[in-house]
């Protein structure tokens, strides 16, 4: 428990009013952070403040409110640029989330693909990084090749290297697995792809809340992530793309904001990044996301990472003392995710009973059915940690799992 002294955990927890809730009379222990993190008071206040004082459509008005709202959105874009070390705000596109960002890239890249072209994915991808690439088959017979994992949940890089051919057109890979917690060697994988002249999209939805992201160092062609997993509001995501690649991609949607000139004969499109931001954006949520990034930086991403690693190691060690415990994903340096099953207890039953004890976990296939098939299971129980979780919560969580096991065995 001494690890908590590095952070003012009580002060941090006070920033999240929802953590004061009780579930069936038990204090809430929120361990579903991989699905979505909770939101601190300062972010909610930023949302309320803009609605109350500066709500007006961005980029479209000369009046004061519009200019204020525009300044808030564009300062948020600059904040994101610095956060991931992008070269220019022209490379930062706001979307509704990771899923839309991947669909945007897949739709654009897919238009130039032909029959026989190939895409490389991994077996641990979220459905959001599988289905958009499959949809390309609607107009071209594109093949998908899949990188397998080893017994610890690490990608088999020798197989990855062997999958490239003259018709490989795209690689799309998760930075961190939302089930296994495996942190993939994406910098090395990007370098391998680039040696074949192939661009790479990195799904950073599970990495951005926990790791220091430097897109320049990674040399990522595209990098995508979501606000709501980073203590921010829902409905806001980020697509980073190298300027030269974004410039070549066709618009994903048509409408207002993304145009330069429109006639019934011809339309010309706005400059980057606005070419990909059709319609009224969630400018309130985008400004609030900037506050969430401020919040993360005020605590320190490295301090957050160390705290989460401590909780993950502590929980893993205690869970493994339970007879019949099976943990999926044991790669060194894994992220703050523990997926498990105990004996023959169904993951849904475990999750329902843990909820009655105040512990919120995720159950099911976690939108990663191909990975579940590879693991030979239908689903798992998943506990995941954030900066506001504590050692005491880990102890109570493990005790709750023990209680459920005794009840159902």
Protein backbone atom coordinates (compact mmCIF):
# COMPACT_ATOMS: atom_id res chain seq x y z
CA UNK A 1 0.00 0.00 0.00
CA UNK A 2 3.01 2.26 0.27
CA UNK A 3 2.88 2.87 -3.48
CA UNK A 4 -0.12 5.14 -2.95
CA UNK A 5 2.12 7.66 -1.18
CA UNK A 6 3.58 8.63 -4.58
CA UNK A 7 0.18 10.07 -5.51
CA UNK A 8 -2.42 11.92 -3.48
CA UNK A 9 -4.97 9.18 -4.12
CA UNK A 10 -7.57 10.63 -1.77
CA UNK A 11 -7.31 13.98 -3.49
CA UNK A 12 -7.55 12.34 -6.91
CA UNK A 13 -10.58 10.31 -5.87
CA UNK A 14 -12.31 13.46 -4.66
CA UNK A 15 -12.04 14.74 -8.23
CA UNK A 16 -14.41 11.93 -9.34
CA UNK A 17 -17.79 12.24 -7.57
CA UNK A 18 -19.07 8.96 -9.04
CA UNK A 19 -16.58 7.06 -6.87
CA UNK A 20 -18.69 8.02 -3.83
CA UNK A 21 -21.57 5.89 -5.13
CA UNK A 22 -22.72 2.65 -3.57
CA UNK A 23 -24.02 -0.39 -5.46
CA UNK A 24 -26.46 -2.59 -3.51
CA UNK A 25 -25.18 -0.90 -0.36
CA UNK A 26 -21.52 -1.61 -1.19
CA UNK A 27 -18.97 1.10 -2.07
CA UNK A 28 -18.40 1.20 -5.83
CA UNK A 29 -15.12 -0.34 -6.97
CA UNK A 30 -14.87 0.68 -10.63
CA UNK A 31 -12.61 -1.69 -12.57
CA UNK A 32 -14.00 -1.24 -16.07
CA UNK A 33 -11.59 1.47 -17.12
CA UNK A 34 -10.56 -0.22 -20.36
CA UNK A 35 -14.13 0.23 -21.60
CA UNK A 36 -14.35 3.82 -20.39
CA UNK A 37 -12.73 5.83 -17.63
CA UNK A 38 -14.57 8.08 -15.22
CA UNK A 39 -14.56 11.85 -15.68
CA UNK A 40 -13.10 14.34 -13.18
CA UNK A 41 -15.04 17.33 -11.95
CA UNK A 42 -12.86 19.82 -13.87
CA UNK A 43 -13.83 18.24 -17.20
CA UNK A 44 -17.54 18.26 -16.39
CA UNK A 45 -17.24 21.88 -15.25
CA UNK A 46 -15.57 22.78 -18.55
CA UNK A 47 -18.54 21.31 -20.40
CA UNK A 48 -21.01 23.22 -18.26
CA UNK A 49 -19.02 26.43 -18.52
CA UNK A 50 -18.97 26.44 -22.31
CA UNK A 51 -22.67 25.65 -22.54
CA UNK A 52 -23.42 28.45 -20.09
CA UNK A 53 -21.03 31.11 -21.42
CA UNK A 54 -19.59 30.44 -24.90
CA UNK A 55 -21.83 28.09 -26.87
CA UNK A 56 -21.82 29.05 -30.54
CA UNK A 57 -20.94 27.24 -33.75
CA UNK A 58 -17.24 27.28 -34.55
CA UNK A 59 -15.49 28.75 -37.60
CA UNK A 60 -18.71 30.27 -38.87
CA UNK A 61 -19.27 33.53 -37.08
CA UNK A 62 -17.64 36.87 -36.55
CA UNK A 63 -19.44 37.41 -33.25
CA UNK A 64 -17.69 37.03 -29.91
CA UNK A 65 -19.26 33.74 -28.82
CA UNK A 66 -18.33 32.01 -32.07
CA UNK A 67 -14.79 33.29 -31.85
CA UNK A 68 -14.50 32.12 -28.24
CA UNK A 69 -15.80 28.64 -29.10
CA UNK A 70 -13.45 28.47 -32.09
CA UNK A 71 -10.49 29.45 -29.94
CA UNK A 72 -11.36 26.73 -27.42
CA UNK A 73 -11.56 24.06 -30.13
CA UNK A 74 -8.39 25.09 -31.91
CA UNK A 75 -6.43 25.40 -28.66
CA UNK A 76 -7.57 21.84 -27.95
CA UNK A 77 -6.20 20.77 -31.32
CA UNK A 78 -2.85 22.33 -30.43
CA UNK A 79 -2.95 20.60 -27.03
CA UNK A 80 -3.45 17.22 -28.73
CA UNK A 81 -0.66 17.98 -31.19
CA UNK A 82 1.77 18.60 -28.34
CA UNK A 83 0.51 15.63 -26.36
CA UNK A 84 1.43 13.16 -29.13
CA UNK A 85 4.29 15.23 -30.63
CA UNK A 86 2.74 15.67 -34.06
CA UNK A 87 4.45 18.06 -36.45
CA UNK A 88 1.44 20.26 -37.17
CA UNK A 89 -2.18 20.82 -36.15
CA UNK A 90 -3.00 20.07 -39.80
CA UNK A 91 -2.30 16.44 -38.86
CA UNK A 92 -4.89 16.38 -36.04
CA UNK A 93 -8.42 15.48 -37.12
CA UNK A 94 -11.24 15.38 -34.57
CA UNK A 95 -13.66 12.48 -34.93
CA UNK A 96 -16.42 10.92 -32.82
CA UNK A 97 -13.99 8.31 -31.50
CA UNK A 98 -11.41 5.68 -32.37
CA UNK A 99 -13.95 3.70 -34.38
CA UNK A 100 -14.81 6.58 -36.68
CA UNK A 101 -11.13 7.44 -37.08
CA UNK A 102 -10.33 3.90 -38.24
CA UNK A 103 -13.32 3.89 -40.58
CA UNK A 104 -12.16 7.19 -42.06
CA UNK A 105 -8.72 5.79 -42.86
CA UNK A 106 -10.04 2.44 -44.08
CA UNK A 107 -12.58 4.11 -46.34
CA UNK A 108 -9.99 6.43 -47.86
CA UNK A 109 -7.22 3.88 -48.25
CA UNK A 110 -9.63 1.27 -49.51
CA UNK A 111 -10.67 3.36 -52.50
CA UNK A 112 -7.24 2.86 -54.03
CA UNK A 113 -7.09 -0.90 -53.36
CA UNK A 114 -7.61 -3.48 -56.08
CA UNK A 115 -8.41 -7.16 -56.33
CA UNK A 116 -5.58 -9.20 -54.85
CA UNK A 117 -4.31 -6.49 -52.50
CA UNK A 118 -3.57 -7.53 -48.93
CA UNK A 119 -3.98 -6.02 -45.46
CA UNK A 120 -2.16 -7.22 -42.37
CA UNK A 121 -3.98 -7.23 -39.02
CA UNK A 122 -3.34 -9.10 -35.76
CA UNK A 123 -5.45 -11.69 -33.97
CA UNK A 124 -5.82 -9.36 -30.97
CA UNK A 125 -7.55 -6.54 -32.83
CA UNK A 126 -10.75 -4.95 -31.56
CA UNK A 127 -13.66 -5.38 -33.94
CA UNK A 128 -13.28 -1.67 -34.75
CA UNK A 129 -9.96 -2.49 -36.39
CA UNK A 130 -11.25 -5.54 -38.25
CA UNK A 131 -14.68 -4.79 -39.68
CA UNK A 132 -13.77 -1.50 -41.45
CA UNK A 133 -11.05 -3.32 -43.38
CA UNK A 134 -13.45 -6.14 -44.26
CA UNK A 135 -15.88 -3.61 -45.71
CA UNK A 136 -13.31 -2.79 -48.37
CA UNK A 137 -14.22 -6.15 -49.90
CA UNK A 138 -17.45 -4.54 -51.07
CA UNK A 139 -15.61 -3.11 -54.05
CA UNK A 140 -12.36 -5.10 -54.17
CA UNK A 141 -11.37 -8.66 -53.37
CA UNK A 142 -8.88 -7.75 -50.68
CA UNK A 143 -7.26 -10.43 -48.52
CA UNK A 144 -6.64 -10.04 -44.80
CA UNK A 145 -3.63 -11.72 -43.25
CA UNK A 146 -3.48 -12.17 -39.48
CA UNK A 147 -0.50 -12.13 -37.10
CA UNK A 148 -0.88 -14.81 -34.36
CA UNK A 149 0.20 -14.65 -30.70
CA UNK A 150 2.32 -16.91 -28.51
CA UNK A 151 1.31 -18.48 -25.18
CA UNK A 152 2.04 -15.26 -23.25
CA UNK A 153 -0.03 -13.12 -25.59
CA UNK A 154 2.82 -11.59 -27.58
CA UNK A 155 2.65 -11.14 -31.33
CA UNK A 156 4.82 -13.52 -33.33
CA UNK A 157 7.06 -11.07 -35.14
CA UNK A 158 8.69 -13.75 -37.29
CA UNK A 159 5.27 -14.56 -38.73
CA UNK A 160 4.52 -10.85 -39.12
CA UNK A 161 7.65 -10.37 -41.19
CA UNK A 162 6.75 -13.33 -43.40
CA UNK A 163 3.28 -11.98 -44.25
CA UNK A 164 4.49 -9.11 -46.42
CA UNK A 165 4.29 -9.46 -50.17
CA UNK A 166 4.33 -7.21 -53.21
CA UNK A 167 0.58 -6.74 -52.83
CA UNK A 168 0.56 -5.72 -49.15
CA UNK A 169 -1.10 -2.31 -49.02
CA UNK A 170 -1.79 -1.63 -45.34
CA UNK A 171 -0.95 -2.70 -41.79
CA UNK A 172 -3.38 -1.94 -38.94
CA UNK A 173 -2.34 -2.93 -35.42
CA UNK A 174 -3.32 -2.33 -31.81
CA UNK A 175 -0.71 -0.59 -29.69
CA UNK A 176 -2.12 -2.30 -26.59
CA UNK A 177 -4.53 -5.25 -26.47
CA UNK A 178 -7.81 -4.44 -24.73
CA UNK A 179 -8.02 -8.06 -23.53
CA UNK A 180 -4.47 -9.22 -22.88
CA UNK A 181 -2.89 -5.91 -21.94
CA UNK A 182 0.04 -6.76 -24.21
CA UNK A 183 2.03 -3.69 -25.28
CA UNK A 184 3.00 -4.41 -28.85
CA UNK A 185 6.39 -3.37 -30.32
CA UNK A 186 4.72 -1.00 -32.74
CA UNK A 187 7.84 1.05 -33.47
CA UNK A 188 9.63 -2.07 -34.69
CA UNK A 189 6.54 -3.24 -36.58
CA UNK A 190 6.19 0.13 -38.29
CA UNK A 191 9.84 0.05 -39.35
CA UNK A 192 9.36 -3.43 -40.84
CA UNK A 193 6.27 -2.28 -42.75
CA UNK A 194 8.04 0.83 -44.02
CA UNK A 195 10.90 -1.31 -45.32
CA UNK A 196 8.27 -2.78 -47.65
CA UNK A 197 6.79 0.63 -48.45
CA UNK A 198 3.59 -0.13 -46.52
CA UNK A 199 1.80 2.45 -44.34
CA UNK A 200 0.67 1.60 -40.80
CA UNK A 201 -2.35 2.59 -38.74
CA UNK A 202 -1.95 2.17 -34.98
CA UNK A 203 -5.05 1.76 -32.82
CA UNK A 204 -3.99 3.63 -29.69
CA UNK A 205 -7.32 3.51 -27.84
CA UNK A 206 -5.81 1.43 -25.02
CA UNK A 207 -2.35 2.99 -25.16
CA UNK A 208 -3.06 6.71 -25.01
CA UNK A 209 -4.43 6.63 -21.42
CA UNK A 210 -1.35 4.84 -20.11
CA UNK A 211 1.70 5.37 -22.33
CA UNK A 212 3.70 8.36 -23.54
CA UNK A 213 2.73 8.60 -27.21
CA UNK A 214 5.24 10.14 -29.62
CA UNK A 215 4.03 9.70 -33.18
CA UNK A 216 7.23 11.21 -34.57
CA UNK A 217 9.40 8.68 -32.73
CA UNK A 218 7.10 5.81 -33.72
CA UNK A 219 7.01 7.09 -37.31
CA UNK A 220 3.32 6.13 -37.35
CA UNK A 221 1.46 6.97 -40.52
CA UNK A 222 -1.89 7.07 -38.71
CA UNK A 223 -2.57 6.96 -34.95
CA UNK A 224 -6.07 6.95 -33.44
CA UNK A 225 -7.51 7.20 -29.92
CA UNK A 226 -10.55 8.30 -27.89
CA UNK A 227 -11.24 10.95 -25.26
CA UNK A 228 -13.55 8.85 -23.10
CA UNK A 229 -10.80 6.41 -22.14
CA UNK A 230 -8.60 9.34 -21.07
CA UNK A 231 -10.85 10.87 -18.39
CA UNK A 232 -12.56 12.98 -21.06
CA UNK A 233 -16.09 13.14 -22.48
CA UNK A 234 -17.63 10.62 -24.83
CA UNK A 235 -18.12 11.32 -28.52
CA UNK A 236 -14.66 12.77 -29.17
CA UNK A 237 -11.77 11.00 -30.88
CA UNK A 238 -8.53 11.86 -32.62
CA UNK A 239 -7.05 10.81 -35.91
CA UNK A 240 -3.40 11.70 -36.37
CA UNK A 241 -2.16 11.28 -39.90
CA UNK A 242 0.99 12.31 -41.67
CA UNK A 243 0.18 15.40 -43.69
CA UNK A 244 1.29 13.90 -46.99
CA UNK A 245 -1.03 10.92 -46.48
CA UNK A 246 -4.03 12.92 -45.28
CA UNK A 247 -3.65 15.19 -48.29
CA UNK A 248 -4.06 12.20 -50.61
CA UNK A 249 -7.09 10.71 -48.83
CA UNK A 250 -10.52 11.63 -50.22
CA UNK A 251 -13.04 13.20 -47.83
CA UNK A 252 -14.85 10.71 -45.63
CA UNK A 253 -18.10 12.70 -45.42
CA UNK A 254 -19.51 15.65 -47.29
CA UNK A 255 -21.28 18.69 -45.90
CA UNK A 256 -20.56 21.97 -44.23
CA UNK A 257 -17.20 22.95 -42.76
CA UNK A 258 -15.18 20.65 -45.03
CA UNK A 259 -15.63 22.70 -48.21
CA UNK A 260 -13.88 25.64 -49.82
CA UNK A 261 -16.38 26.35 -52.61
CA UNK A 262 -19.58 24.61 -53.71
CA UNK A 263 -21.56 24.80 -56.92
CA UNK A 264 -23.85 22.26 -58.51
CA UNK A 265 -21.11 21.58 -61.03
CA UNK A 266 -18.12 21.23 -58.72
CA UNK A 267 -17.00 21.33 -55.09
CA UNK A 268 -13.51 22.08 -53.81
CA UNK A 269 -12.53 21.01 -50.34
CA UNK A 270 -11.12 22.82 -47.35
CA UNK A 271 -7.52 22.55 -46.28
CA UNK A 272 -6.35 20.02 -43.67
CA UNK A 273 -7.58 19.07 -41.19
CA UNK A 274 -11.03 20.52 -41.95
CA UNK A 275 -11.44 18.41 -45.09
CA UNK A 276 -12.32 15.52 -42.76
CA UNK A 277 -14.51 17.41 -40.28
CA UNK A 278 -17.87 17.70 -42.02
CA UNK A 279 -20.73 19.25 -40.09
CA UNK A 280 -20.89 20.83 -36.66
CA UNK A 281 -18.30 19.14 -34.43
CA UNK A 282 -18.74 18.38 -30.76
CA UNK A 283 -16.86 21.58 -30.00
CA UNK A 284 -17.92 21.49 -26.35
CA UNK A 285 -16.60 17.95 -25.91
CA UNK A 286 -13.41 18.77 -27.78
CA UNK A 287 -12.70 21.72 -25.48
CA UNK A 288 -13.44 19.52 -22.46
CA UNK A 289 -11.04 16.87 -23.78
CA UNK A 290 -8.34 19.51 -23.60
CA UNK A 291 -9.10 19.82 -19.88
CA UNK A 292 -8.78 16.05 -19.51
CA UNK A 293 -5.31 16.20 -21.07
CA UNK A 294 -4.45 18.99 -18.63
CA UNK A 295 -5.63 16.76 -15.80
CA UNK A 296 -3.43 13.86 -16.92
CA UNK A 297 -0.43 16.15 -17.26
CA UNK A 298 -1.06 17.68 -13.82
CA UNK A 299 -0.65 14.24 -12.24
CA UNK A 300 2.05 13.02 -14.61
CA UNK A 301 1.63 10.19 -17.10
CA UNK A 302 4.68 8.31 -15.79
CA UNK A 303 3.37 8.47 -12.21
CA UNK A 304 -0.02 7.22 -13.44
CA UNK A 305 1.67 4.37 -15.32
CA UNK A 306 3.71 3.29 -12.28
CA UNK A 307 0.65 3.36 -10.04
CA UNK A 308 -1.40 1.29 -12.48
CA UNK A 309 1.47 -1.17 -12.95
CA UNK A 310 1.67 -1.60 -9.17
CA UNK A 311 -2.06 -2.32 -8.93
CA UNK A 312 -1.89 -4.78 -11.85
CA UNK A 313 1.04 -6.69 -10.35
CA UNK A 314 -0.59 -6.77 -6.92
CA UNK A 315 -3.92 -8.00 -8.28
CA UNK A 316 -2.27 -10.61 -10.50
CA UNK A 317 -0.23 -12.03 -7.63
CA UNK A 318 -3.28 -12.29 -5.36
CA UNK A 319 -5.60 -13.69 -8.04
CA UNK A 320 -3.13 -16.42 -8.93
CA UNK A 321 -3.45 -17.75 -5.37
CA UNK A 322 -7.06 -18.69 -6.13
CA UNK A 323 -7.32 -22.39 -7.17
CA UNK A 324 -8.40 -22.80 -10.79
CA UNK A 325 -7.49 -19.21 -11.74
CA UNK A 326 -6.48 -18.71 -15.35
CA UNK A 327 -5.18 -15.31 -16.49
CA UNK A 328 -5.02 -14.53 -20.21
CA UNK A 329 -2.09 -12.34 -21.20
CA UNK A 330 1.15 -12.57 -19.25
CA UNK A 331 3.54 -10.65 -21.48
CA UNK A 332 6.20 -8.64 -19.64
CA UNK A 333 5.38 -4.96 -19.27
CA UNK A 334 1.67 -5.49 -19.97
CA UNK A 335 -0.81 -2.69 -19.46
CA UNK A 336 -3.29 -2.36 -16.57
CA UNK A 337 -5.67 -5.11 -17.75
CA UNK A 338 -6.36 -8.53 -16.25
CA UNK A 339 -8.61 -10.95 -18.15
CA UNK A 340 -9.39 -14.16 -16.30
CA UNK A 341 -11.59 -17.20 -15.77
CA UNK A 342 -11.88 -19.43 -12.69
CA UNK A 343 -12.61 -23.15 -12.97
CA UNK A 344 -15.80 -23.64 -14.97
CA UNK A 345 -17.52 -20.48 -13.72
CA UNK A 346 -19.14 -18.58 -16.57
CA UNK A 347 -17.77 -15.08 -17.03
CA UNK A 348 -21.28 -13.61 -17.00
CA UNK A 349 -22.11 -15.26 -13.65
CA UNK A 350 -18.87 -13.99 -12.16
CA UNK A 351 -19.53 -10.46 -13.40
CA UNK A 352 -23.12 -10.38 -12.14
CA UNK A 353 -22.17 -11.55 -8.65
CA UNK A 354 -19.18 -9.20 -8.46
CA UNK A 355 -21.57 -6.35 -9.28
CA UNK A 356 -23.72 -7.35 -6.28
CA UNK A 357 -20.56 -6.91 -4.19
CA UNK A 358 -19.98 -3.44 -5.63
CA UNK A 359 -17.24 -4.42 -8.10
CA UNK A 360 -17.72 -3.26 -11.70
CA UNK A 361 -15.86 -5.43 -14.22
CA UNK A 362 -16.44 -6.22 -17.90
CA UNK A 363 -17.53 -9.66 -19.12
CA UNK A 364 -17.86 -11.22 -22.55
CA UNK A 365 -15.74 -11.23 -25.69
CA UNK A 366 -14.72 -7.55 -25.33
CA UNK A 367 -15.31 -6.91 -29.05
CA UNK A 368 -12.43 -9.27 -29.79
CA UNK A 369 -14.10 -12.50 -30.89
CA UNK A 370 -11.23 -13.65 -33.14
CA UNK A 371 -8.92 -13.43 -30.13
CA UNK A 372 -11.40 -15.37 -27.99
CA UNK A 373 -11.46 -18.07 -30.65
CA UNK A 374 -7.67 -18.18 -30.62
CA UNK A 375 -7.70 -18.51 -26.83
CA UNK A 376 -10.33 -21.26 -27.01
CA UNK A 377 -12.89 -19.46 -24.83
CA UNK A 378 -16.21 -17.69 -25.36
CA UNK A 379 -15.33 -14.78 -23.12
CA UNK A 380 -13.50 -13.65 -20.00
CA UNK A 381 -13.89 -11.46 -16.95
CA UNK A 382 -11.83 -8.30 -17.36
CA UNK A 383 -10.64 -5.99 -14.59
CA UNK A 384 -8.77 -2.84 -15.56
CA UNK A 385 -7.24 -0.09 -13.48
CA UNK A 386 -6.96 3.70 -13.56
CA UNK A 387 -5.22 6.36 -11.52
CA UNK A 388 -8.03 6.59 -8.96
CA UNK A 389 -8.02 2.89 -8.04
CA UNK A 390 -6.37 1.90 -4.76
CA UNK A 391 -4.60 -0.98 -3.07
CA UNK A 392 -7.61 -1.44 -0.79
CA UNK A 393 -9.86 -1.77 -3.82
CA UNK A 394 -7.57 -4.48 -5.19
CA UNK A 395 -7.82 -6.38 -1.91
CA UNK A 396 -11.61 -6.04 -1.88
CA UNK A 397 -11.82 -7.10 -5.53
CA UNK A 398 -9.79 -10.25 -4.93
CA UNK A 399 -11.81 -11.05 -1.82
CA UNK A 400 -15.00 -10.62 -3.85
CA UNK A 401 -13.69 -13.02 -6.51
CA UNK A 402 -12.91 -15.51 -3.75
CA UNK A 403 -16.44 -15.17 -2.38
CA UNK A 404 -17.97 -15.79 -5.81
CA UNK A 405 -15.76 -18.82 -6.38
CA UNK A 406 -16.87 -20.32 -3.07
CA UNK A 407 -20.51 -19.60 -3.89
CA UNK A 408 -20.39 -21.23 -7.33
CA UNK A 409 -17.97 -24.11 -6.73
